[in-house]
Amino acid sequence: MTDDTERHEMNDGEKHAMYSREEALQIARHRALAPRAVYEVIDLEGREELKRPLWSLWWSGIAAGICISTSVLAEGILHTIYEGHPYQGPIENMGYTVGFILVILARIQLFTENTITVVLPVLKDRSRKMLTCTMRLWAVVFAANLVGTFFVAFLSVHGGTVVPEYVEGMKAISEHFAEYTPWETFKYGVPAGFFIAAIVWMLPSAEGFEIFLIFLFTYLIAMGEFTHVVAGSKEAFLLMLSGDISVSKAIFGLILPAFAGNVLGGTGLFALLAYGQVAHEIDPELNGEAKKKGKG
């Protein structure tokens, strides 16, 4: 048997012995996280969130609603500055990414992140208690996000905290959202929910590139004119407080359909797919069934 053949037949332990400690660390650092490892990272984060006091979730949710509003503000500013520019749309849509970068890196409670973060623990440990805790967190965070976006919209329209020209810019970029029917708002919310869940899934593997990752996919949401319920609620409240749309249109025509679409995209599609690819690795019952079938 040749030396090359012997080398190929060595077990993993022997292979690791060929590397120095520094080389082994470099290899481990550059290996992509396995799906099961990513699932466990997000699962642990979700469990920590589910244990947090309601008041902590509430104030974190309000902070997220305020911070995500910077997406609409940045878009409005760029819309005003670059009005008439041939690439006005692509340029102003860059502003949409600002609020998401702020919220996600600040690690405050954005509802659409929780369509996967707190759902993965429920899929792993299916129980009434886990489901109840998830529903509680969803209700508190979603309500708090809306309070935050409403507060900023009110200050923008009636509080004089934003230059009038930029308020008009924000209203101009919000008009496309108001033109959607409830069905369009819902169906365009599905991809947005899916992309936000994808960001959460990829963040553990994106060390050092988090800003680029968030920018890339939230820019895609803006360019595709998909509907994100929390950022969209700032647009809806802005137009409602300006008298351009009714309360009924804002709540039932825009916010709630976008909510349903984001949940379907984030939980109904991405979270279930994420669970499905590791279910037989993390679920003892499924793993046991698979082994029995293999022996049979």
C-alpha atoms as a PDB file:
ATOM      1  CA  MET A   1       0.000   0.000   0.000  1.00  0.00           C
ATOM      2  CA  THR A   2       1.437   3.396  -0.984  1.00  0.00           C
ATOM      3  CA  ASP A   3       1.910   6.359   1.324  1.00  0.00           C
ATOM      4  CA  ASP A   4      -0.819   8.271  -0.564  1.00  0.00           C
ATOM      5  CA  THR A   5      -3.317   5.456  -0.030  1.00  0.00           C
ATOM      6  CA  GLU A   6      -2.480   5.253   3.644  1.00  0.00           C
ATOM      7  CA  ARG A   7      -3.029   8.990   3.932  1.00  0.00           C
ATOM      8  CA  HIS A   8      -6.534   8.751   2.409  1.00  0.00           C
ATOM      9  CA  GLU A   9      -7.521   5.934   4.749  1.00  0.00           C
ATOM     10  CA  MET A  10      -6.580   7.718   7.944  1.00  0.00           C
ATOM     11  CA  ASN A  11      -9.462   8.516  10.295  1.00  0.00           C
ATOM     12  CA  ASP A  12     -10.434  12.083  11.273  1.00  0.00           C
ATOM     13  CA  GLY A  13      -8.430  12.010  14.491  1.00  0.00           C
ATOM     14  CA  GLU A  14      -5.267  11.092  12.644  1.00  0.00           C
ATOM     15  CA  LYS A  15      -5.917  13.760  10.031  1.00  0.00           C
ATOM     16  CA  HIS A  16      -6.219  16.430  12.694  1.00  0.00           C
ATOM     17  CA  ALA A  17      -2.870  15.279  14.069  1.00  0.00           C
ATOM     18  CA  MET A  18      -1.274  16.397  10.806  1.00  0.00           C
ATOM     19  CA  TYR A  19      -2.146  20.032  11.548  1.00  0.00           C
ATOM     20  CA  SER A  20      -0.638  22.400  14.046  1.00  0.00           C
ATOM     21  CA  ARG A  21      -2.941  23.993  16.618  1.00  0.00           C
ATOM     22  CA  GLU A  22      -2.866  27.282  14.679  1.00  0.00           C
ATOM     23  CA  GLU A  23      -3.733  25.540  11.401  1.00  0.00           C
ATOM     24  CA  ALA A  24      -6.584  23.616  13.025  1.00  0.00           C
ATOM     25  CA  LEU A  25      -8.023  26.872  14.393  1.00  0.00           C
ATOM     26  CA  GLN A  26      -7.806  28.499  10.967  1.00  0.00           C
ATOM     27  CA  ILE A  27      -9.613  25.560   9.354  1.00  0.00           C
ATOM     28  CA  ALA A  28     -12.361  25.649  11.996  1.00  0.00           C
ATOM     29  CA  ARG A  29     -12.716  29.416  11.576  1.00  0.00           C
ATOM     30  CA  HIS A  30     -13.197  29.212   7.835  1.00  0.00           C
ATOM     31  CA  ARG A  31     -15.553  26.237   7.785  1.00  0.00           C
ATOM     32  CA  ALA A  32     -19.181  27.173   7.153  1.00  0.00           C
ATOM     33  CA  LEU A  33     -21.552  26.491  10.015  1.00  0.00           C
ATOM     34  CA  ALA A  34     -23.603  23.355   9.471  1.00  0.00           C
ATOM     35  CA  PRO A  35     -27.414  23.847   9.239  1.00  0.00           C
ATOM     36  CA  ARG A  36     -27.853  22.079  12.575  1.00  0.00           C
ATOM     37  CA  ALA A  37     -25.373  24.455  14.234  1.00  0.00           C
ATOM     38  CA  VAL A  38     -27.172  27.498  12.798  1.00  0.00           C
ATOM     39  CA  TYR A  39     -30.494  26.107  14.014  1.00  0.00           C
ATOM     40  CA  GLU A  40     -29.122  25.611  17.520  1.00  0.00           C
ATOM     41  CA  VAL A  41     -27.701  29.170  17.638  1.00  0.00           C
ATOM     42  CA  ILE A  42     -31.054  30.710  16.671  1.00  0.00           C
ATOM     43  CA  ASP A  43     -32.921  28.258  18.896  1.00  0.00           C
ATOM     44  CA  LEU A  44     -30.928  29.395  21.936  1.00  0.00           C
ATOM     45  CA  GLU A  45     -31.480  33.063  21.063  1.00  0.00           C
ATOM     46  CA  GLY A  46     -35.209  32.407  20.703  1.00  0.00           C
ATOM     47  CA  ARG A  47     -35.424  30.687  24.088  1.00  0.00           C
ATOM     48  CA  GLU A  48     -33.699  33.621  25.740  1.00  0.00           C
ATOM     49  CA  GLU A  49     -36.183  36.022  24.131  1.00  0.00           C
ATOM     50  CA  LEU A  50     -39.144  33.924  25.280  1.00  0.00           C
ATOM     51  CA  LYS A  51     -37.907  34.157  28.893  1.00  0.00           C
ATOM     52  CA  ARG A  52     -37.634  37.954  28.902  1.00  0.00           C
ATOM     53  CA  PRO A  53     -40.101  40.008  30.989  1.00  0.00           C
ATOM     54  CA  LEU A  54     -43.002  41.604  29.137  1.00  0.00           C
ATOM     55  CA  TRP A  55     -41.854  45.122  29.976  1.00  0.00           C
ATOM     56  CA  SER A  56     -38.422  44.421  28.503  1.00  0.00           C
ATOM     57  CA  LEU A  57     -40.036  43.173  25.293  1.00  0.00           C
ATOM     58  CA  TRP A  58     -42.383  46.166  25.231  1.00  0.00           C
ATOM     59  CA  TRP A  59     -39.717  48.866  25.500  1.00  0.00           C
ATOM     60  CA  SER A  60     -37.392  47.023  23.136  1.00  0.00           C
ATOM     61  CA  GLY A  61     -40.264  46.787  20.642  1.00  0.00           C
ATOM     62  CA  ILE A  62     -40.978  50.521  20.888  1.00  0.00           C
ATOM     63  CA  ALA A  63     -37.284  51.235  20.341  1.00  0.00           C
ATOM     64  CA  ALA A  64     -37.351  49.027  17.243  1.00  0.00           C
ATOM     65  CA  GLY A  65     -40.408  50.844  15.884  1.00  0.00           C
ATOM     66  CA  ILE A  66     -38.661  54.190  16.356  1.00  0.00           C
ATOM     67  CA  CYS A  67     -35.408  52.963  14.818  1.00  0.00           C
ATOM     68  CA  ILE A  68     -36.989  51.240  11.798  1.00  0.00           C
ATOM     69  CA  SER A  69     -38.639  54.570  10.988  1.00  0.00           C
ATOM     70  CA  THR A  70     -35.223  55.842   9.928  1.00  0.00           C
ATOM     71  CA  SER A  71     -35.656  53.692   6.793  1.00  0.00           C
ATOM     72  CA  VAL A  72     -38.549  55.863   5.638  1.00  0.00           C
ATOM     73  CA  LEU A  73     -36.760  59.037   6.747  1.00  0.00           C
ATOM     74  CA  ALA A  74     -33.603  58.137   4.809  1.00  0.00           C
ATOM     75  CA  GLU A  75     -35.673  57.254   1.741  1.00  0.00           C
ATOM     76  CA  GLY A  76     -37.542  60.554   1.984  1.00  0.00           C
ATOM     77  CA  ILE A  77     -34.326  62.551   2.257  1.00  0.00           C
ATOM     78  CA  LEU A  78     -32.746  60.790  -0.733  1.00  0.00           C
ATOM     79  CA  HIS A  79     -35.994  61.144  -2.701  1.00  0.00           C
ATOM     80  CA  THR A  80     -35.921  64.914  -2.161  1.00  0.00           C
ATOM     81  CA  ILE A  81     -32.217  65.362  -2.867  1.00  0.00           C
ATOM     82  CA  TYR A  82     -32.196  63.227  -6.025  1.00  0.00           C
ATOM     83  CA  GLU A  83     -35.606  64.202  -7.385  1.00  0.00           C
ATOM     84  CA  GLY A  84     -35.494  64.124 -11.166  1.00  0.00           C
ATOM     85  CA  HIS A  85     -32.294  62.066 -11.278  1.00  0.00           C
ATOM     86  CA  PRO A  86     -32.447  59.200 -13.811  1.00  0.00           C
ATOM     87  CA  TYR A  87     -31.495  56.727 -11.080  1.00  0.00           C
ATOM     88  CA  GLN A  88     -33.622  58.291  -8.370  1.00  0.00           C
ATOM     89  CA  GLY A  89     -35.411  55.018  -7.529  1.00  0.00           C
ATOM     90  CA  PRO A  90     -32.316  52.849  -6.946  1.00  0.00           C
ATOM     91  CA  ILE A  91     -30.621  55.647  -5.012  1.00  0.00           C
ATOM     92  CA  GLU A  92     -33.528  56.431  -2.683  1.00  0.00           C
ATOM     93  CA  ASN A  93     -34.106  52.723  -2.031  1.00  0.00           C
ATOM     94  CA  MET A  94     -30.658  52.559  -0.435  1.00  0.00           C
ATOM     95  CA  GLY A  95     -32.134  54.601   2.394  1.00  0.00           C
ATOM     96  CA  TYR A  96     -34.578  51.768   3.147  1.00  0.00           C
ATOM     97  CA  THR A  97     -31.718  49.637   4.439  1.00  0.00           C
ATOM     98  CA  VAL A  98     -30.673  52.126   7.152  1.00  0.00           C
ATOM     99  CA  GLY A  99     -33.386  51.300   9.685  1.00  0.00           C
ATOM    100  CA  PHE A 100     -32.912  47.551   9.320  1.00  0.00           C
ATOM    101  CA  ILE A 101     -29.165  47.795   9.843  1.00  0.00           C
ATOM    102  CA  LEU A 102     -29.803  49.893  12.958  1.00  0.00           C
ATOM    103  CA  VAL A 103     -32.462  47.584  14.402  1.00  0.00           C
ATOM    104  CA  ILE A 104     -30.810  44.248  13.684  1.00  0.00           C
ATOM    105  CA  LEU A 105     -27.307  45.205  14.830  1.00  0.00           C
ATOM    106  CA  ALA A 106     -28.721  46.969  17.912  1.00  0.00           C
ATOM    107  CA  ARG A 107     -30.464  43.652  18.741  1.00  0.00           C
ATOM    108  CA  ILE A 108     -33.801  45.200  19.595  1.00  0.00           C
ATOM    109  CA  GLN A 109     -37.191  43.576  19.064  1.00  0.00           C
ATOM    110  CA  LEU A 110     -38.406  43.762  15.475  1.00  0.00           C
ATOM    111  CA  PHE A 111     -41.531  41.678  14.926  1.00  0.00           C
ATOM    112  CA  THR A 112     -40.506  40.158  11.601  1.00  0.00           C
ATOM    113  CA  GLU A 113     -37.261  38.766  13.053  1.00  0.00           C
ATOM    114  CA  ASN A 114     -39.392  36.870  15.541  1.00  0.00           C
ATOM    115  CA  THR A 115     -41.291  35.084  12.787  1.00  0.00           C
ATOM    116  CA  ILE A 116     -38.301  32.707  12.851  1.00  0.00           C
ATOM    117  CA  THR A 117     -36.268  33.377  16.022  1.00  0.00           C
ATOM    118  CA  VAL A 118     -38.929  32.324  18.538  1.00  0.00           C
ATOM    119  CA  VAL A 119     -40.619  29.873  16.171  1.00  0.00           C
ATOM    120  CA  LEU A 120     -37.665  27.482  15.873  1.00  0.00           C
ATOM    121  CA  PRO A 121     -37.843  26.561  19.603  1.00  0.00           C
ATOM    122  CA  VAL A 122     -41.581  25.849  19.188  1.00  0.00           C
ATOM    123  CA  LEU A 123     -40.943  23.551  16.229  1.00  0.00           C
ATOM    124  CA  LYS A 124     -38.265  21.717  18.198  1.00  0.00           C
ATOM    125  CA  ASP A 125     -40.198  21.382  21.473  1.00  0.00           C
ATOM    126  CA  ARG A 126     -43.832  21.365  20.505  1.00  0.00           C
ATOM    127  CA  SER A 127     -45.887  22.183  23.600  1.00  0.00           C
ATOM    128  CA  ARG A 128     -48.775  24.415  24.568  1.00  0.00           C
ATOM    129  CA  LYS A 129     -46.516  26.385  26.921  1.00  0.00           C
ATOM    130  CA  MET A 130     -44.000  27.190  24.173  1.00  0.00           C
ATOM    131  CA  LEU A 131     -46.770  28.178  21.778  1.00  0.00           C
ATOM    132  CA  THR A 132     -48.383  30.441  24.396  1.00  0.00           C
ATOM    133  CA  CYS A 133     -45.074  32.157  25.145  1.00  0.00           C
ATOM    134  CA  THR A 134     -44.510  32.735  21.430  1.00  0.00           C
ATOM    135  CA  MET A 135     -47.972  34.219  20.913  1.00  0.00           C
ATOM    136  CA  ARG A 136     -47.418  36.484  23.921  1.00  0.00           C
ATOM    137  CA  LEU A 137     -44.107  37.722  22.558  1.00  0.00           C
ATOM    138  CA  TRP A 138     -45.571  38.276  19.091  1.00  0.00           C
ATOM    139  CA  ALA A 139     -48.495  40.307  20.461  1.00  0.00           C
ATOM    140  CA  VAL A 140     -46.342  42.494  22.709  1.00  0.00           C
ATOM    141  CA  VAL A 141     -43.580  43.128  20.173  1.00  0.00           C
ATOM    142  CA  PHE A 142     -45.934  43.808  17.254  1.00  0.00           C
ATOM    143  CA  ALA A 143     -48.016  46.266  19.286  1.00  0.00           C
ATOM    144  CA  ALA A 144     -44.864  47.975  20.589  1.00  0.00           C
ATOM    145  CA  ASN A 145     -43.413  48.277  17.069  1.00  0.00           C
ATOM    146  CA  LEU A 146     -46.606  50.020  15.901  1.00  0.00           C
ATOM    147  CA  VAL A 147     -46.540  52.383  18.874  1.00  0.00           C
ATOM    148  CA  GLY A 148     -42.960  53.304  17.975  1.00  0.00           C
ATOM    149  CA  THR A 149     -43.694  53.954  14.279  1.00  0.00           C
ATOM    150  CA  PHE A 150     -46.869  55.910  15.108  1.00  0.00           C
ATOM    151  CA  PHE A 151     -44.945  58.075  17.581  1.00  0.00           C
ATOM    152  CA  VAL A 152     -42.304  58.951  14.975  1.00  0.00           C
ATOM    153  CA  ALA A 153     -44.918  59.559  12.263  1.00  0.00           C
ATOM    154  CA  PHE A 154     -46.815  61.913  14.598  1.00  0.00           C
ATOM    155  CA  LEU A 155     -43.653  63.868  15.434  1.00  0.00           C
ATOM    156  CA  SER A 156     -42.781  64.079  11.740  1.00  0.00           C
ATOM    157  CA  VAL A 157     -46.190  65.391  10.642  1.00  0.00           C
ATOM    158  CA  HIS A 158     -47.304  67.455  13.631  1.00  0.00           C
ATOM    159  CA  GLY A 159     -44.211  67.837  15.803  1.00  0.00           C
ATOM    160  CA  GLY A 160     -41.961  69.673  13.399  1.00  0.00           C
ATOM    161  CA  THR A 161     -39.052  67.296  14.039  1.00  0.00           C
ATOM    162  CA  VAL A 162     -38.392  66.787  10.313  1.00  0.00           C
ATOM    163  CA  VAL A 163     -37.809  69.468   7.663  1.00  0.00           C
ATOM    164  CA  PRO A 164     -41.098  69.950   5.708  1.00  0.00           C
ATOM    165  CA  GLU A 165     -39.396  69.129   2.389  1.00  0.00           C
ATOM    166  CA  TYR A 166     -38.304  65.774   3.771  1.00  0.00           C
ATOM    167  CA  VAL A 167     -41.778  65.076   5.150  1.00  0.00           C
ATOM    168  CA  GLU A 168     -43.095  65.565   1.638  1.00  0.00           C
ATOM    169  CA  GLY A 169     -40.373  63.244   0.386  1.00  0.00           C
ATOM    170  CA  MET A 170     -41.439  60.570   2.885  1.00  0.00           C
ATOM    171  CA  LYS A 171     -45.062  60.951   1.848  1.00  0.00           C
ATOM    172  CA  ALA A 172     -44.084  60.670  -1.824  1.00  0.00           C
ATOM    173  CA  ILE A 173     -42.252  57.366  -1.323  1.00  0.00           C
ATOM    174  CA  SER A 174     -45.136  56.102   0.856  1.00  0.00           C
ATOM    175  CA  GLU A 175     -47.770  56.617  -1.819  1.00  0.00           C
ATOM    176  CA  HIS A 176     -46.852  53.437  -3.709  1.00  0.00           C
ATOM    177  CA  PHE A 177     -47.643  51.430  -0.558  1.00  0.00           C
ATOM    178  CA  ALA A 178     -51.046  53.095  -0.185  1.00  0.00           C
ATOM    179  CA  GLU A 179     -51.931  52.225  -3.783  1.00  0.00           C
ATOM    180  CA  TYR A 180     -51.851  48.491  -3.058  1.00  0.00           C
ATOM    181  CA  THR A 181     -55.062  46.553  -2.530  1.00  0.00           C
ATOM    182  CA  PRO A 182     -55.215  44.386   0.629  1.00  0.00           C
ATOM    183  CA  TRP A 183     -54.518  41.304  -1.515  1.00  0.00           C
ATOM    184  CA  GLU A 184     -51.481  42.930  -3.152  1.00  0.00           C
ATOM    185  CA  THR A 185     -50.205  44.060   0.249  1.00  0.00           C
ATOM    186  CA  PHE A 186     -50.532  40.494   1.516  1.00  0.00           C
ATOM    187  CA  LYS A 187     -48.882  38.721  -1.408  1.00  0.00           C
ATOM    188  CA  TYR A 188     -46.016  41.228  -1.613  1.00  0.00           C
ATOM    189  CA  GLY A 189     -45.500  40.741   2.122  1.00  0.00           C
ATOM    190  CA  VAL A 190     -44.669  37.040   1.686  1.00  0.00           C
ATOM    191  CA  PRO A 191     -41.248  37.587   0.017  1.00  0.00           C
ATOM    192  CA  ALA A 192     -40.398  40.339   2.528  1.00  0.00           C
ATOM    193  CA  GLY A 193     -41.084  37.997   5.447  1.00  0.00           C
ATOM    194  CA  PHE A 194     -39.032  35.266   3.786  1.00  0.00           C
ATOM    195  CA  PHE A 195     -36.040  37.565   3.197  1.00  0.00           C
ATOM    196  CA  ILE A 196     -36.023  38.904   6.770  1.00  0.00           C
ATOM    197  CA  ALA A 197     -36.111  35.337   8.115  1.00  0.00           C
ATOM    198  CA  ALA A 198     -33.269  34.474   5.723  1.00  0.00           C
ATOM    199  CA  ILE A 199     -31.207  37.341   7.155  1.00  0.00           C
ATOM    200  CA  VAL A 200     -31.709  35.986  10.680  1.00  0.00           C
ATOM    201  CA  TRP A 201     -30.707  32.502   9.496  1.00  0.00           C
ATOM    202  CA  MET A 202     -27.531  33.737   7.780  1.00  0.00           C
ATOM    203  CA  LEU A 203     -26.286  36.151  10.464  1.00  0.00           C
ATOM    204  CA  PRO A 204     -24.502  33.463  12.568  1.00  0.00           C
ATOM    205  CA  SER A 205     -22.400  32.614   9.489  1.00  0.00           C
ATOM    206  CA  ALA A 206     -21.804  36.216   8.411  1.00  0.00           C
ATOM    207  CA  GLU A 207     -19.239  37.290  10.980  1.00  0.00           C
ATOM    208  CA  GLY A 208     -17.715  40.558   9.828  1.00  0.00           C
ATOM    209  CA  PHE A 209     -20.159  40.938   6.927  1.00  0.00           C
ATOM    210  CA  GLU A 210     -23.391  41.586   8.826  1.00  0.00           C
ATOM    211  CA  ILE A 211     -23.945  45.090   7.431  1.00  0.00           C
ATOM    212  CA  PHE A 212     -23.454  43.914   3.858  1.00  0.00           C
ATOM    213  CA  LEU A 213     -25.844  40.995   4.389  1.00  0.00           C
ATOM    214  CA  ILE A 214     -28.587  43.180   5.879  1.00  0.00           C
ATOM    215  CA  PHE A 215     -28.072  45.844   3.208  1.00  0.00           C
ATOM    216  CA  LEU A 216     -28.271  43.316   0.361  1.00  0.00           C
ATOM    217  CA  PHE A 217     -31.562  41.706   1.304  1.00  0.00           C
ATOM    218  CA  THR A 218     -33.370  44.785   2.607  1.00  0.00           C
ATOM    219  CA  TYR A 219     -32.326  46.637  -0.546  1.00  0.00           C
ATOM    220  CA  LEU A 220     -33.893  43.765  -2.484  1.00  0.00           C
ATOM    221  CA  ILE A 221     -37.128  44.262  -0.504  1.00  0.00           C
ATOM    222  CA  ALA A 222     -37.129  47.965  -1.398  1.00  0.00           C
ATOM    223  CA  MET A 223     -36.273  47.469  -5.070  1.00  0.00           C
ATOM    224  CA  GLY A 224     -38.865  44.726  -5.419  1.00  0.00           C
ATOM    225  CA  GLU A 225     -41.498  46.955  -3.757  1.00  0.00           C
ATOM    226  CA  PHE A 226     -42.320  44.187  -1.297  1.00  0.00           C
ATOM    227  CA  THR A 227     -44.220  45.071   1.877  1.00  0.00           C
ATOM    228  CA  HIS A 228     -42.695  44.965   5.346  1.00  0.00           C
ATOM    229  CA  VAL A 229     -45.307  45.443   8.044  1.00  0.00           C
ATOM    230  CA  VAL A 230     -43.287  47.524  10.522  1.00  0.00           C
ATOM    231  CA  ALA A 231     -41.529  49.823   8.060  1.00  0.00           C
ATOM    232  CA  GLY A 232     -44.788  49.963   6.091  1.00  0.00           C
ATOM    233  CA  SER A 233     -46.729  50.971   9.197  1.00  0.00           C
ATOM    234  CA  LYS A 234     -44.602  54.144   9.388  1.00  0.00           C
ATOM    235  CA  GLU A 235     -45.631  54.931   5.803  1.00  0.00           C
ATOM    236  CA  ALA A 236     -49.293  54.146   6.528  1.00  0.00           C
ATOM    237  CA  PHE A 237     -49.354  56.262   9.703  1.00  0.00           C
ATOM    238  CA  LEU A 238     -47.586  59.097   7.918  1.00  0.00           C
ATOM    239  CA  LEU A 239     -50.261  59.233   5.219  1.00  0.00           C
ATOM    240  CA  MET A 240     -53.074  58.702   7.740  1.00  0.00           C
ATOM    241  CA  LEU A 241     -51.931  61.559   9.976  1.00  0.00           C
ATOM    242  CA  SER A 242     -51.576  63.774   6.897  1.00  0.00           C
ATOM    243  CA  GLY A 243     -55.194  63.021   5.951  1.00  0.00           C
ATOM    244  CA  ASP A 244     -54.270  61.240   2.719  1.00  0.00           C
ATOM    245  CA  ILE A 245     -55.761  57.857   3.710  1.00  0.00           C
ATOM    246  CA  SER A 246     -58.358  56.753   6.262  1.00  0.00           C
ATOM    247  CA  VAL A 247     -57.722  54.886   9.507  1.00  0.00           C
ATOM    248  CA  SER A 248     -59.529  51.884   8.036  1.00  0.00           C
ATOM    249  CA  LYS A 249     -57.267  51.864   4.973  1.00  0.00           C
ATOM    250  CA  ALA A 250     -54.135  52.161   7.110  1.00  0.00           C
ATOM    251  CA  ILE A 251     -55.049  49.341   9.520  1.00  0.00           C
ATOM    252  CA  PHE A 252     -57.162  46.911   7.506  1.00  0.00           C
ATOM    253  CA  GLY A 253     -55.970  47.691   4.007  1.00  0.00           C
ATOM    254  CA  LEU A 254     -52.236  47.936   4.626  1.00  0.00           C
ATOM    255  CA  ILE A 255     -50.883  46.967   8.059  1.00  0.00           C
ATOM    256  CA  LEU A 256     -52.829  43.764   8.771  1.00  0.00           C
ATOM    257  CA  PRO A 257     -52.465  42.288   5.252  1.00  0.00           C
ATOM    258  CA  ALA A 258     -48.708  43.001   5.365  1.00  0.00           C
ATOM    259  CA  PHE A 259     -48.608  41.355   8.804  1.00  0.00           C
ATOM    260  CA  ALA A 260     -50.238  38.206   7.428  1.00  0.00           C
ATOM    261  CA  GLY A 261     -47.922  38.100   4.421  1.00  0.00           C
ATOM    262  CA  ASN A 262     -44.782  38.545   6.533  1.00  0.00           C
ATOM    263  CA  VAL A 263     -45.860  35.779   8.907  1.00  0.00           C
ATOM    264  CA  LEU A 264     -46.560  33.425   6.013  1.00  0.00           C
ATOM    265  CA  GLY A 265     -43.196  34.170   4.409  1.00  0.00           C
ATOM    266  CA  GLY A 266     -41.148  34.120   7.614  1.00  0.00           C
ATOM    267  CA  THR A 267     -42.826  31.336   9.568  1.00  0.00           C
ATOM    268  CA  GLY A 268     -44.971  29.445   7.068  1.00  0.00           C
ATOM    269  CA  LEU A 269     -42.172  29.139   4.524  1.00  0.00           C
ATOM    270  CA  PHE A 270     -38.663  29.870   5.787  1.00  0.00           C
ATOM    271  CA  ALA A 271     -38.941  28.650   9.396  1.00  0.00           C
ATOM    272  CA  LEU A 272     -40.633  25.400   8.365  1.00  0.00           C
ATOM    273  CA  LEU A 273     -38.043  24.797   5.641  1.00  0.00           C
ATOM    274  CA  ALA A 274     -35.229  25.539   8.092  1.00  0.00           C
ATOM    275  CA  TYR A 275     -36.704  23.039  10.539  1.00  0.00           C
ATOM    276  CA  GLY A 276     -37.331  20.457   7.842  1.00  0.00           C
ATOM    277  CA  GLN A 277     -33.697  20.279   6.768  1.00  0.00           C
ATOM    278  CA  VAL A 278     -32.480  19.447  10.300  1.00  0.00           C
ATOM    279  CA  ALA A 279     -35.560  17.756  11.804  1.00  0.00           C
ATOM    280  CA  HIS A 280     -34.095  14.248  11.693  1.00  0.00           C
ATOM    281  CA  GLU A 281     -30.889  15.492  13.317  1.00  0.00           C
ATOM    282  CA  ILE A 282     -32.389  17.400  16.250  1.00  0.00           C
ATOM    283  CA  ASP A 283     -35.640  15.523  16.931  1.00  0.00           C
ATOM    284  CA  PRO A 284     -34.932  12.284  18.874  1.00  0.00           C
ATOM    285  CA  GLU A 285     -38.259  10.725  17.855  1.00  0.00           C
ATOM    286  CA  LEU A 286     -37.735  11.331  14.135  1.00  0.00           C
ATOM    287  CA  ASN A 287     -34.118  10.248  14.412  1.00  0.00           C
ATOM    288  CA  GLY A 288     -35.205   7.020  16.112  1.00  0.00           C
ATOM    289  CA  GLU A 289     -37.745   6.298  13.396  1.00  0.00           C
ATOM    290  CA  ALA A 290     -35.141   6.852  10.698  1.00  0.00           C
ATOM    291  CA  LYS A 291     -32.746   4.406  12.372  1.00  0.00           C
ATOM    292  CA  LYS A 292     -35.458   1.765  12.663  1.00  0.00           C
ATOM    293  CA  LYS A 293     -36.280   2.098   8.963  1.00  0.00           C
ATOM    294  CA  GLY A 294     -32.577   1.833   8.154  1.00  0.00           C
ATOM    295  CA  LYS A 295     -32.251  -1.405  10.120  1.00  0.00           C
ATOM    296  CA  GLY A 296     -35.423  -2.764   8.537  1.00  0.00           C
END
